[in-house]
């Protein structure tokens, strides 16, 4: 998965199309992400005791990672993500995410 926690994204499909937000959770096995302020759902809770009031809980539901695109922090455009290996002084190569539009590292 090319989207990580803390990335800024923009929704490209669905009822929240055009909204931007920060990724708060990632579920790689289900290929879903949770974004702050996007895909807000409401859950109604029943009262537990006599005389108590019920509640409405608002929460951010996960949405498919295919419906979002990363916003590059350098060029501020929606972009696809590539991978490039950088050589570290220790000798091991390290994989880095790269913006396909400007070519800069996204980390």
PDB file of N, CA and C in Angstrom:
ATOM      1  N   UNK A   1       0.846  -1.176   0.000  1.00  0.00           N
ATOM      2  CA  UNK A   1       0.000   0.000   0.000  1.00  0.00           C
ATOM      3  C   UNK A   1       0.893   1.241   0.000  1.00  0.00           C
ATOM      4  N   UNK A   2       0.556   2.208  -0.843  1.00  0.00           N
ATOM      5  CA  UNK A   2       1.389   3.398  -1.007  1.00  0.00           C
ATOM      6  C   UNK A   2       0.997   4.545  -0.097  1.00  0.00           C
ATOM      7  N   UNK A   3      -0.075   4.392   0.658  1.00  0.00           N
ATOM      8  CA  UNK A   3      -0.530   5.456   1.560  1.00  0.00           C
ATOM      9  C   UNK A   3      -0.210   5.051   2.985  1.00  0.00           C
ATOM     10  N   UNK A   4       0.373   5.967   3.738  1.00  0.00           N
ATOM     11  CA  UNK A   4       0.779   5.686   5.109  1.00  0.00           C
ATOM     12  C   UNK A   4       0.047   6.627   6.066  1.00  0.00           C
ATOM     13  N   UNK A   5       0.111   6.292   7.361  1.00  0.00           N
ATOM     14  CA  UNK A   5      -0.508   7.130   8.381  1.00  0.00           C
ATOM     15  C   UNK A   5       0.186   8.490   8.416  1.00  0.00           C
ATOM     16  N   UNK A   6      -0.596   9.562   8.462  1.00  0.00           N
ATOM     17  CA  UNK A   6      -0.047  10.911   8.505  1.00  0.00           C
ATOM     18  C   UNK A   6       0.020  11.603   7.153  1.00  0.00           C
ATOM     19  N   UNK A   7      -0.217  10.875   6.065  1.00  0.00           N
ATOM     20  CA  UNK A   7      -0.203  11.472   4.726  1.00  0.00           C
ATOM     21  C   UNK A   7      -1.433  12.344   4.521  1.00  0.00           C
ATOM     22  N   UNK A   8      -1.283  13.377   3.704  1.00  0.00           N
ATOM     23  CA  UNK A   8      -2.429  14.174   3.276  1.00  0.00           C
ATOM     24  C   UNK A   8      -2.937  13.575   1.976  1.00  0.00           C
ATOM     25  N   UNK A   9      -4.253  13.380   1.903  1.00  0.00           N
ATOM     26  CA  UNK A   9      -4.846  12.771   0.719  1.00  0.00           C
ATOM     27  C   UNK A   9      -6.029  13.594   0.242  1.00  0.00           C
ATOM     28  N   UNK A  10      -6.492  13.296  -0.971  1.00  0.00           N
ATOM     29  CA  UNK A  10      -7.695  13.898  -1.523  1.00  0.00           C
ATOM     30  C   UNK A  10      -8.575  12.775  -2.037  1.00  0.00           C
ATOM     31  N   UNK A  11      -9.873  12.847  -1.745  1.00  0.00           N
ATOM     32  CA  UNK A  11     -10.824  11.815  -2.163  1.00  0.00           C
ATOM     33  C   UNK A  11     -11.186  12.062  -3.623  1.00  0.00           C
ATOM     34  N   UNK A  12     -11.093  11.015  -4.458  1.00  0.00           N
ATOM     35  CA  UNK A  12     -11.377  11.169  -5.883  1.00  0.00           C
ATOM     36  C   UNK A  12     -12.671  10.487  -6.307  1.00  0.00           C
ATOM     37  N   UNK A  13     -13.285   9.689  -5.411  1.00  0.00           N
ATOM     38  CA  UNK A  13     -14.527   8.985  -5.737  1.00  0.00           C
ATOM     39  C   UNK A  13     -15.421   8.928  -4.520  1.00  0.00           C
ATOM     40  N   UNK A  14     -16.716   8.894  -4.736  1.00  0.00           N
ATOM     41  CA  UNK A  14     -17.658   8.699  -3.647  1.00  0.00           C
ATOM     42  C   UNK A  14     -18.367   9.966  -3.226  1.00  0.00           C
ATOM     43  N   UNK A  15     -19.102   9.857  -2.122  1.00  0.00           N
ATOM     44  CA  UNK A  15     -19.931  10.979  -1.674  1.00  0.00           C
ATOM     45  C   UNK A  15     -19.108  12.161  -1.163  1.00  0.00           C
ATOM     46  N   UNK A  16     -17.865  11.920  -0.754  1.00  0.00           N
ATOM     47  CA  UNK A  16     -17.000  12.987  -0.237  1.00  0.00           C
ATOM     48  C   UNK A  16     -15.960  13.430  -1.257  1.00  0.00           C
ATOM     49  N   UNK A  17     -16.239  13.262  -2.546  1.00  0.00           N
ATOM     50  CA  UNK A  17     -15.294  13.612  -3.598  1.00  0.00           C
ATOM     51  C   UNK A  17     -14.837  15.067  -3.469  1.00  0.00           C
ATOM     52  N   UNK A  18     -13.516  15.287  -3.544  1.00  0.00           N
ATOM     53  CA  UNK A  18     -12.956  16.635  -3.473  1.00  0.00           C
ATOM     54  C   UNK A  18     -12.465  17.025  -2.099  1.00  0.00           C
ATOM     55  N   UNK A  19     -12.865  16.301  -1.060  1.00  0.00           N
ATOM     56  CA  UNK A  19     -12.421  16.633   0.289  1.00  0.00           C
ATOM     57  C   UNK A  19     -10.982  16.163   0.504  1.00  0.00           C
ATOM     58  N   UNK A  20     -10.261  16.907   1.334  1.00  0.00           N
ATOM     59  CA  UNK A  20      -8.901  16.519   1.681  1.00  0.00           C
ATOM     60  C   UNK A  20      -8.825  16.272   3.180  1.00  0.00           C
ATOM     61  N   UNK A  21      -7.854  15.502   3.588  1.00  0.00           N
ATOM     62  CA  UNK A  21      -7.689  15.215   5.008  1.00  0.00           C
ATOM     63  C   UNK A  21      -6.422  14.439   5.271  1.00  0.00           C
ATOM     64  N   UNK A  22      -6.192  14.197   6.549  1.00  0.00           N
ATOM     65  CA  UNK A  22      -5.000  13.481   6.989  1.00  0.00           C
ATOM     66  C   UNK A  22      -5.392  12.047   7.347  1.00  0.00           C
ATOM     67  N   UNK A  23      -4.576  11.090   6.944  1.00  0.00           N
ATOM     68  CA  UNK A  23      -4.847   9.682   7.206  1.00  0.00           C
ATOM     69  C   UNK A  23      -4.552   9.387   8.671  1.00  0.00           C
ATOM     70  N   UNK A  24      -5.550   8.837   9.384  1.00  0.00           N
ATOM     71  CA  UNK A  24      -5.354   8.528  10.796  1.00  0.00           C
ATOM     72  C   UNK A  24      -5.122   7.044  11.043  1.00  0.00           C
ATOM     73  N   UNK A  25      -5.658   6.177  10.171  1.00  0.00           N
ATOM     74  CA  UNK A  25      -5.464   4.738  10.304  1.00  0.00           C
ATOM     75  C   UNK A  25      -5.356   4.113   8.928  1.00  0.00           C
ATOM     76  N   UNK A  26      -4.596   3.014   8.842  1.00  0.00           N
ATOM     77  CA  UNK A  26      -4.447   2.280   7.586  1.00  0.00           C
ATOM     78  C   UNK A  26      -4.684   0.806   7.866  1.00  0.00           C
ATOM     79  N   UNK A  27      -5.495   0.176   7.019  1.00  0.00           N
ATOM     80  CA  UNK A  27      -5.752  -1.259   7.112  1.00  0.00           C
ATOM     81  C   UNK A  27      -5.273  -1.908   5.815  1.00  0.00           C
ATOM     82  N   UNK A  28      -4.000  -2.337   5.751  1.00  0.00           N
ATOM     83  CA  UNK A  28      -3.456  -2.847   4.493  1.00  0.00           C
ATOM     84  C   UNK A  28      -4.102  -4.141   4.012  1.00  0.00           C
ATOM     85  N   UNK A  29      -4.512  -5.022   4.916  1.00  0.00           N
ATOM     86  CA  UNK A  29      -5.104  -6.288   4.491  1.00  0.00           C
ATOM     87  C   UNK A  29      -6.452  -6.069   3.814  1.00  0.00           C
ATOM     88  N   UNK A  30      -7.222  -5.099   4.301  1.00  0.00           N
ATOM     89  CA  UNK A  30      -8.514  -4.793   3.681  1.00  0.00           C
ATOM     90  C   UNK A  30      -8.391  -3.721   2.596  1.00  0.00           C
ATOM     91  N   UNK A  31      -7.195  -3.135   2.434  1.00  0.00           N
ATOM     92  CA  UNK A  31      -6.927  -2.061   1.476  1.00  0.00           C
ATOM     93  C   UNK A  31      -7.838  -0.860   1.729  1.00  0.00           C
ATOM     94  N   UNK A  32      -7.923  -0.455   3.003  1.00  0.00           N
ATOM     95  CA  UNK A  32      -8.769   0.672   3.403  1.00  0.00           C
ATOM     96  C   UNK A  32      -7.975   1.664   4.246  1.00  0.00           C
ATOM     97  N   UNK A  33      -8.442   2.919   4.250  1.00  0.00           N
ATOM     98  CA  UNK A  33      -7.838   3.973   5.060  1.00  0.00           C
ATOM     99  C   UNK A  33      -8.938   4.738   5.780  1.00  0.00           C
ATOM    100  N   UNK A  34      -8.600   5.293   6.938  1.00  0.00           N
ATOM    101  CA  UNK A  34      -9.503   6.163   7.680  1.00  0.00           C
ATOM    102  C   UNK A  34      -8.918   7.563   7.618  1.00  0.00           C
ATOM    103  N   UNK A  35      -9.738   8.531   7.166  1.00  0.00           N
ATOM    104  CA  UNK A  35      -9.283   9.903   6.981  1.00  0.00           C
ATOM    105  C   UNK A  35     -10.099  10.813   7.888  1.00  0.00           C
ATOM    106  N   UNK A  36      -9.410  11.757   8.542  1.00  0.00           N
ATOM    107  CA  UNK A  36     -10.081  12.686   9.459  1.00  0.00           C
ATOM    108  C   UNK A  36     -11.020  13.600   8.680  1.00  0.00           C
ATOM    109  N   UNK A  37     -12.290  13.660   9.109  1.00  0.00           N
ATOM    110  CA  UNK A  37     -13.265  14.561   8.510  1.00  0.00           C
ATOM    111  C   UNK A  37     -13.892  14.065   7.216  1.00  0.00           C
ATOM    112  N   UNK A  38     -13.626  12.818   6.836  1.00  0.00           N
ATOM    113  CA  UNK A  38     -14.154  12.269   5.594  1.00  0.00           C
ATOM    114  C   UNK A  38     -14.906  10.979   5.917  1.00  0.00           C
ATOM    115  N   UNK A  39     -15.994  10.722   5.205  1.00  0.00           N
ATOM    116  CA  UNK A  39     -16.815   9.516   5.362  1.00  0.00           C
ATOM    117  C   UNK A  39     -17.334   9.383   6.794  1.00  0.00           C
ATOM    118  N   UNK A  40     -17.954  10.444   7.277  1.00  0.00           N
ATOM    119  CA  UNK A  40     -18.471  10.464   8.646  1.00  0.00           C
ATOM    120  C   UNK A  40     -19.776   9.679   8.705  1.00  0.00           C
ATOM    121  N   UNK A  41     -19.837   8.737   9.624  1.00  0.00           N
ATOM    122  CA  UNK A  41     -21.028   7.919   9.841  1.00  0.00           C
ATOM    123  C   UNK A  41     -21.578   8.215  11.233  1.00  0.00           C
ATOM    124  N   UNK A  42     -22.863   7.922  11.426  1.00  0.00           N
ATOM    125  CA  UNK A  42     -23.515   8.138  12.713  1.00  0.00           C
ATOM    126  C   UNK A  42     -24.036   6.807  13.222  1.00  0.00           C
ATOM    127  N   UNK A  43     -23.751   6.519  14.481  1.00  0.00           N
ATOM    128  CA  UNK A  43     -24.254   5.295  15.104  1.00  0.00           C
ATOM    129  C   UNK A  43     -25.141   5.714  16.270  1.00  0.00           C
ATOM    130  N   UNK A  44     -26.348   5.172  16.319  1.00  0.00           N
ATOM    131  CA  UNK A  44     -27.284   5.484  17.391  1.00  0.00           C
ATOM    132  C   UNK A  44     -27.145   4.441  18.489  1.00  0.00           C
ATOM    133  N   UNK A  45     -26.981   4.915  19.727  1.00  0.00           N
ATOM    134  CA  UNK A  45     -26.868   4.012  20.864  1.00  0.00           C
ATOM    135  C   UNK A  45     -28.144   4.052  21.686  1.00  0.00           C
ATOM    136  N   UNK A  46     -28.635   2.902  22.053  1.00  0.00           N
ATOM    137  CA  UNK A  46     -29.835   2.774  22.865  1.00  0.00           C
ATOM    138  C   UNK A  46     -29.494   3.089  24.318  1.00  0.00           C
ATOM    139  N   UNK A  47     -30.512   3.485  25.084  1.00  0.00           N
ATOM    140  CA  UNK A  47     -30.292   3.760  26.506  1.00  0.00           C
ATOM    141  C   UNK A  47     -30.030   2.459  27.256  1.00  0.00           C
ATOM    142  N   UNK A  48     -29.211   2.530  28.281  1.00  0.00           N
ATOM    143  CA  UNK A  48     -28.902   1.349  29.092  1.00  0.00           C
ATOM    144  C   UNK A  48     -29.810   1.269  30.330  1.00  0.00           C
ATOM    145  N   UNK A  49     -30.078   2.432  30.930  1.00  0.00           N
ATOM    146  CA  UNK A  49     -30.888   2.475  32.148  1.00  0.00           C
ATOM    147  C   UNK A  49     -32.149   3.303  31.913  1.00  0.00           C
ATOM    148  N   UNK A  50     -33.110   3.122  32.804  1.00  0.00           N
ATOM    149  CA  UNK A  50     -34.351   3.898  32.749  1.00  0.00           C
ATOM    150  C   UNK A  50     -34.038   5.370  33.018  1.00  0.00           C
ATOM    151  N   UNK A  51     -34.576   6.273  32.205  1.00  0.00           N
ATOM    152  CA  UNK A  51     -34.395   7.702  32.414  1.00  0.00           C
ATOM    153  C   UNK A  51     -33.144   8.266  31.742  1.00  0.00           C
ATOM    154  N   UNK A  52     -32.296   7.426  31.227  1.00  0.00           N
ATOM    155  CA  UNK A  52     -31.089   7.879  30.546  1.00  0.00           C
ATOM    156  C   UNK A  52     -31.431   8.181  29.089  1.00  0.00           C
ATOM    157  N   UNK A  53     -30.695   9.100  28.470  1.00  0.00           N
ATOM    158  CA  UNK A  53     -30.943   9.445  27.074  1.00  0.00           C
ATOM    159  C   UNK A  53     -30.058   8.628  26.148  1.00  0.00           C
ATOM    160  N   UNK A  54     -30.551   8.363  24.954  1.00  0.00           N
ATOM    161  CA  UNK A  54     -29.749   7.693  23.934  1.00  0.00           C
ATOM    162  C   UNK A  54     -28.724   8.665  23.362  1.00  0.00           C
ATOM    163  N   UNK A  55     -27.800   8.158  22.587  1.00  0.00           N
ATOM    164  CA  UNK A  55     -26.735   8.993  22.034  1.00  0.00           C
ATOM    165  C   UNK A  55     -26.574   8.757  20.546  1.00  0.00           C
ATOM    166  N   UNK A  56     -26.010   9.763  19.883  1.00  0.00           N
ATOM    167  CA  UNK A  56     -25.601   9.639  18.489  1.00  0.00           C
ATOM    168  C   UNK A  56     -24.093   9.805  18.458  1.00  0.00           C
ATOM    169  N   UNK A  57     -23.380   8.772  18.037  1.00  0.00           N
ATOM    170  CA  UNK A  57     -21.930   8.838  17.941  1.00  0.00           C
ATOM    171  C   UNK A  57     -21.539   9.067  16.490  1.00  0.00           C
ATOM    172  N   UNK A  58     -20.687  10.063  16.253  1.00  0.00           N
ATOM    173  CA  UNK A  58     -20.160  10.306  14.915  1.00  0.00           C
ATOM    174  C   UNK A  58     -18.742   9.760  14.866  1.00  0.00           C
ATOM    175  N   UNK A  59     -18.422   9.030  13.797  1.00  0.00           N
ATOM    176  CA  UNK A  59     -17.074   8.495  13.651  1.00  0.00           C
ATOM    177  C   UNK A  59     -16.701   8.456  12.177  1.00  0.00           C
ATOM    178  N   UNK A  60     -15.395   8.434  11.921  1.00  0.00           N
ATOM    179  CA  UNK A  60     -14.898   8.362  10.553  1.00  0.00           C
ATOM    180  C   UNK A  60     -14.790   6.900  10.147  1.00  0.00           C
ATOM    181  N   UNK A  61     -15.565   6.495   9.162  1.00  0.00           N
ATOM    182  CA  UNK A  61     -15.543   5.112   8.701  1.00  0.00           C
ATOM    183  C   UNK A  61     -14.424   4.939   7.676  1.00  0.00           C
ATOM    184  N   UNK A  62     -13.900   3.723   7.558  1.00  0.00           N
ATOM    185  CA  UNK A  62     -12.851   3.498   6.553  1.00  0.00           C
ATOM    186  C   UNK A  62     -13.403   3.578   5.140  1.00  0.00           C
ATOM    187  N   UNK A  63     -12.558   3.999   4.204  1.00  0.00           N
ATOM    188  CA  UNK A  63     -12.937   3.997   2.809  1.00  0.00           C
ATOM    189  C   UNK A  63     -11.834   3.337   1.998  1.00  0.00           C
ATOM    190  N   UNK A  64     -12.155   2.895   0.803  1.00  0.00           N
ATOM    191  CA  UNK A  64     -11.214   2.147  -0.019  1.00  0.00           C
ATOM    192  C   UNK A  64     -10.022   3.015  -0.400  1.00  0.00           C
ATOM    193  N   UNK A  65      -8.840   2.435  -0.331  1.00  0.00           N
ATOM    194  CA  UNK A  65      -7.619   3.167  -0.667  1.00  0.00           C
ATOM    195  C   UNK A  65      -7.578   3.526  -2.149  1.00  0.00           C
ATOM    196  N   UNK A  66      -8.331   2.802  -2.977  1.00  0.00           N
ATOM    197  CA  UNK A  66      -8.371   3.112  -4.405  1.00  0.00           C
ATOM    198  C   UNK A  66      -9.145   4.396  -4.685  1.00  0.00           C
ATOM    199  N   UNK A  67      -9.932   4.859  -3.721  1.00  0.00           N
ATOM    200  CA  UNK A  67     -10.739   6.068  -3.905  1.00  0.00           C
ATOM    201  C   UNK A  67     -10.041   7.329  -3.419  1.00  0.00           C
ATOM    202  N   UNK A  68      -8.788   7.231  -3.021  1.00  0.00           N
ATOM    203  CA  UNK A  68      -8.044   8.400  -2.553  1.00  0.00           C
ATOM    204  C   UNK A  68      -6.724   8.504  -3.304  1.00  0.00           C
ATOM    205  N   UNK A  69      -6.198   9.741  -3.384  1.00  0.00           N
ATOM    206  CA  UNK A  69      -4.881   9.962  -3.980  1.00  0.00           C
ATOM    207  C   UNK A  69      -4.055  10.805  -3.043  1.00  0.00           C
ATOM    208  N   UNK A  70      -2.772  10.522  -3.026  1.00  0.00           N
ATOM    209  CA  UNK A  70      -1.833  11.245  -2.181  1.00  0.00           C
ATOM    210  C   UNK A  70      -1.642  12.665  -2.701  1.00  0.00           C
ATOM    211  N   UNK A  71      -1.555  13.630  -1.780  1.00  0.00           N
ATOM    212  CA  UNK A  71      -1.228  15.009  -2.138  1.00  0.00           C
ATOM    213  C   UNK A  71       0.244  15.210  -1.799  1.00  0.00           C
ATOM    214  N   UNK A  72       1.045  15.514  -2.816  1.00  0.00           N
ATOM    215  CA  UNK A  72       2.490  15.677  -2.634  1.00  0.00           C
ATOM    216  C   UNK A  72       2.772  16.898  -1.761  1.00  0.00           C
ATOM    217  N   UNK A  73       3.594  16.769  -0.711  1.00  0.00           N
ATOM    218  CA  UNK A  73       3.895  17.923   0.143  1.00  0.00           C
ATOM    219  C   UNK A  73       4.763  18.970  -0.555  1.00  0.00           C
ATOM    220  N   UNK A  74       5.508  18.586  -1.592  1.00  0.00           N
ATOM    221  CA  UNK A  74       6.395  19.534  -2.286  1.00  0.00           C
ATOM    222  C   UNK A  74       5.646  20.346  -3.340  1.00  0.00           C
ATOM    223  N   UNK A  75       4.930  19.643  -4.249  1.00  0.00           N
ATOM    224  CA  UNK A  75       4.270  20.353  -5.356  1.00  0.00           C
ATOM    225  C   UNK A  75       2.792  20.593  -5.101  1.00  0.00           C
ATOM    226  N   UNK A  76       2.229  20.081  -4.005  1.00  0.00           N
ATOM    227  CA  UNK A  76       0.839  20.287  -3.591  1.00  0.00           C
ATOM    228  C   UNK A  76      -0.174  19.844  -4.637  1.00  0.00           C
ATOM    229  N   UNK A  77       0.165  18.816  -5.410  1.00  0.00           N
ATOM    230  CA  UNK A  77      -0.745  18.283  -6.420  1.00  0.00           C
ATOM    231  C   UNK A  77      -1.062  16.830  -6.091  1.00  0.00           C
ATOM    232  N   UNK A  78      -2.254  16.376  -6.543  1.00  0.00           N
ATOM    233  CA  UNK A  78      -2.584  14.965  -6.395  1.00  0.00           C
ATOM    234  C   UNK A  78      -1.654  14.179  -7.305  1.00  0.00           C
ATOM    235  N   UNK A  79      -1.118  13.088  -6.796  1.00  0.00           N
ATOM    236  CA  UNK A  79      -0.126  12.367  -7.579  1.00  0.00           C
ATOM    237  C   UNK A  79      -0.177  10.876  -7.322  1.00  0.00           C
ATOM    238  N   UNK A  80       0.334  10.122  -8.269  1.00  0.00           N
ATOM    239  CA  UNK A  80       0.570   8.706  -8.050  1.00  0.00           C
ATOM    240  C   UNK A  80       1.889   8.573  -7.290  1.00  0.00           C
ATOM    241  N   UNK A  81       2.121   7.394  -6.763  1.00  0.00           N
ATOM    242  CA  UNK A  81       3.318   7.185  -5.950  1.00  0.00           C
ATOM    243  C   UNK A  81       4.191   6.125  -6.607  1.00  0.00           C
ATOM    244  N   UNK A  82       5.473   6.433  -6.732  1.00  0.00           N
ATOM    245  CA  UNK A  82       6.438   5.473  -7.244  1.00  0.00           C
ATOM    246  C   UNK A  82       7.405   5.090  -6.141  1.00  0.00           C
ATOM    247  N   UNK A  83       8.316   4.201  -6.457  1.00  0.00           N
ATOM    248  CA  UNK A  83       9.329   3.768  -5.487  1.00  0.00           C
ATOM    249  C   UNK A  83      10.699   3.934  -6.107  1.00  0.00           C
ATOM    250  N   UNK A  84      11.650   4.348  -5.284  1.00  0.00           N
ATOM    251  CA  UNK A  84      13.036   4.478  -5.715  1.00  0.00           C
ATOM    252  C   UNK A  84      13.918   4.017  -4.573  1.00  0.00           C
ATOM    253  N   UNK A  85      14.997   3.361  -4.884  1.00  0.00           N
ATOM    254  CA  UNK A  85      15.897   2.918  -3.825  1.00  0.00           C
ATOM    255  C   UNK A  85      17.036   3.920  -3.678  1.00  0.00           C
ATOM    256  N   UNK A  86      17.306   4.308  -2.449  1.00  0.00           N
ATOM    257  CA  UNK A  86      18.401   5.218  -2.123  1.00  0.00           C
ATOM    258  C   UNK A  86      19.491   4.428  -1.427  1.00  0.00           C
ATOM    259  N   UNK A  87      20.729   4.743  -1.743  1.00  0.00           N
ATOM    260  CA  UNK A  87      21.832   4.058  -1.082  1.00  0.00           C
ATOM    261  C   UNK A  87      22.207   4.816   0.173  1.00  0.00           C
ATOM    262  N   UNK A  88      22.267   4.092   1.265  1.00  0.00           N
ATOM    263  CA  UNK A  88      22.628   4.677   2.551  1.00  0.00           C
ATOM    264  C   UNK A  88      24.113   4.387   2.775  1.00  0.00           C
ATOM    265  N   UNK A  89      24.766   5.194   3.589  1.00  0.00           N
ATOM    266  CA  UNK A  89      26.209   5.053   3.821  1.00  0.00           C
ATOM    267  C   UNK A  89      26.578   3.686   4.386  1.00  0.00           C
ATOM    268  N   UNK A  90      25.669   3.054   5.117  1.00  0.00           N
ATOM    269  CA  UNK A  90      25.936   1.742   5.701  1.00  0.00           C
ATOM    270  C   UNK A  90      26.041   0.637   4.663  1.00  0.00           C
ATOM    271  N   UNK A  91      25.644   0.901   3.433  1.00  0.00           N
ATOM    272  CA  UNK A  91      25.753  -0.093   2.381  1.00  0.00           C
ATOM    273  C   UNK A  91      24.417  -0.666   1.928  1.00  0.00           C
ATOM    274  N   UNK A  92      23.402  -0.637   2.786  1.00  0.00           N
ATOM    275  CA  UNK A  92      22.095  -1.169   2.415  1.00  0.00           C
ATOM    276  C   UNK A  92      21.295  -0.125   1.646  1.00  0.00           C
ATOM    277  N   UNK A  93      20.548  -0.579   0.654  1.00  0.00           N
ATOM    278  CA  UNK A  93      19.668   0.321  -0.089  1.00  0.00           C
ATOM    279  C   UNK A  93      18.347   0.446   0.659  1.00  0.00           C
ATOM    280  N   UNK A  94      17.727   1.634   0.584  1.00  0.00           N
ATOM    281  CA  UNK A  94      16.470   1.894   1.279  1.00  0.00           C
ATOM    282  C   UNK A  94      15.428   2.342   0.269  1.00  0.00           C
ATOM    283  N   UNK A  95      14.230   1.763   0.329  1.00  0.00           N
ATOM    284  CA  UNK A  95      13.156   2.135  -0.580  1.00  0.00           C
ATOM    285  C   UNK A  95      12.491   3.425  -0.091  1.00  0.00           C
ATOM    286  N   UNK A  96      12.227   4.348  -1.031  1.00  0.00           N
ATOM    287  CA  UNK A  96      11.593   5.620  -0.702  1.00  0.00           C
ATOM    288  C   UNK A  96      10.424   5.833  -1.645  1.00  0.00           C
ATOM    289  N   UNK A  97       9.326   6.393  -1.120  1.00  0.00           N
ATOM    290  CA  UNK A  97       8.189   6.749  -1.973  1.00  0.00           C
ATOM    291  C   UNK A  97       8.516   8.038  -2.704  1.00  0.00           C
ATOM    292  N   UNK A  98       8.131   8.098  -3.989  1.00  0.00           N
ATOM    293  CA  UNK A  98       8.486   9.241  -4.831  1.00  0.00           C
ATOM    294  C   UNK A  98       7.244   9.756  -5.536  1.00  0.00           C
ATOM    295  N   UNK A  99       7.099  11.072  -5.603  1.00  0.00           N
ATOM    296  CA  UNK A  99       6.011  11.722  -6.340  1.00  0.00           C
ATOM    297  C   UNK A  99       6.269  11.545  -7.832  1.00  0.00           C
ATOM    298  N   UNK A 100       5.261  11.085  -8.576  1.00  0.00           N
ATOM    299  CA  UNK A 100       5.416  10.865 -10.011  1.00  0.00           C
ATOM    300  C   UNK A 100       5.417  12.174 -10.798  1.00  0.00           C
ATOM    301  N   UNK A 101       4.907  13.265 -10.210  1.00  0.00           N
ATOM    302  CA  UNK A 101       4.842  14.534 -10.935  1.00  0.00           C
ATOM    303  C   UNK A 101       6.131  15.333 -10.809  1.00  0.00           C
ATOM    304  N   UNK A 102       6.622  15.495  -9.561  1.00  0.00           N
ATOM    305  CA  UNK A 102       7.825  16.332  -9.385  1.00  0.00           C
ATOM    306  C   UNK A 102       9.083  15.515  -9.142  1.00  0.00           C
ATOM    307  N   UNK A 103       8.962  14.235  -8.843  1.00  0.00           N
ATOM    308  CA  UNK A 103      10.132  13.381  -8.666  1.00  0.00           C
ATOM    309  C   UNK A 103      10.772  13.466  -7.298  1.00  0.00           C
ATOM    310  N   UNK A 104      10.194  14.216  -6.377  1.00  0.00           N
ATOM    311  CA  UNK A 104      10.763  14.359  -5.031  1.00  0.00           C
ATOM    312  C   UNK A 104      10.308  13.228  -4.123  1.00  0.00           C
ATOM    313  N   UNK A 105      11.110  12.945  -3.103  1.00  0.00           N
ATOM    314  CA  UNK A 105      10.746  11.943  -2.107  1.00  0.00           C
ATOM    315  C   UNK A 105       9.598  12.471  -1.264  1.00  0.00           C
ATOM    316  N   UNK A 106       8.674  11.590  -0.901  1.00  0.00           N
ATOM    317  CA  UNK A 106       7.453  12.001  -0.194  1.00  0.00           C
ATOM    318  C   UNK A 106       7.629  11.958   1.323  1.00  0.00           C
ATOM    319  N   UNK A 107       8.635  11.363   1.862  1.00  0.00           N
ATOM    320  CA  UNK A 107       8.778  11.185   3.303  1.00  0.00           C
ATOM    321  C   UNK A 107       9.177  12.410   4.013  1.00  0.00           C
TER     322      UNK A 107
END
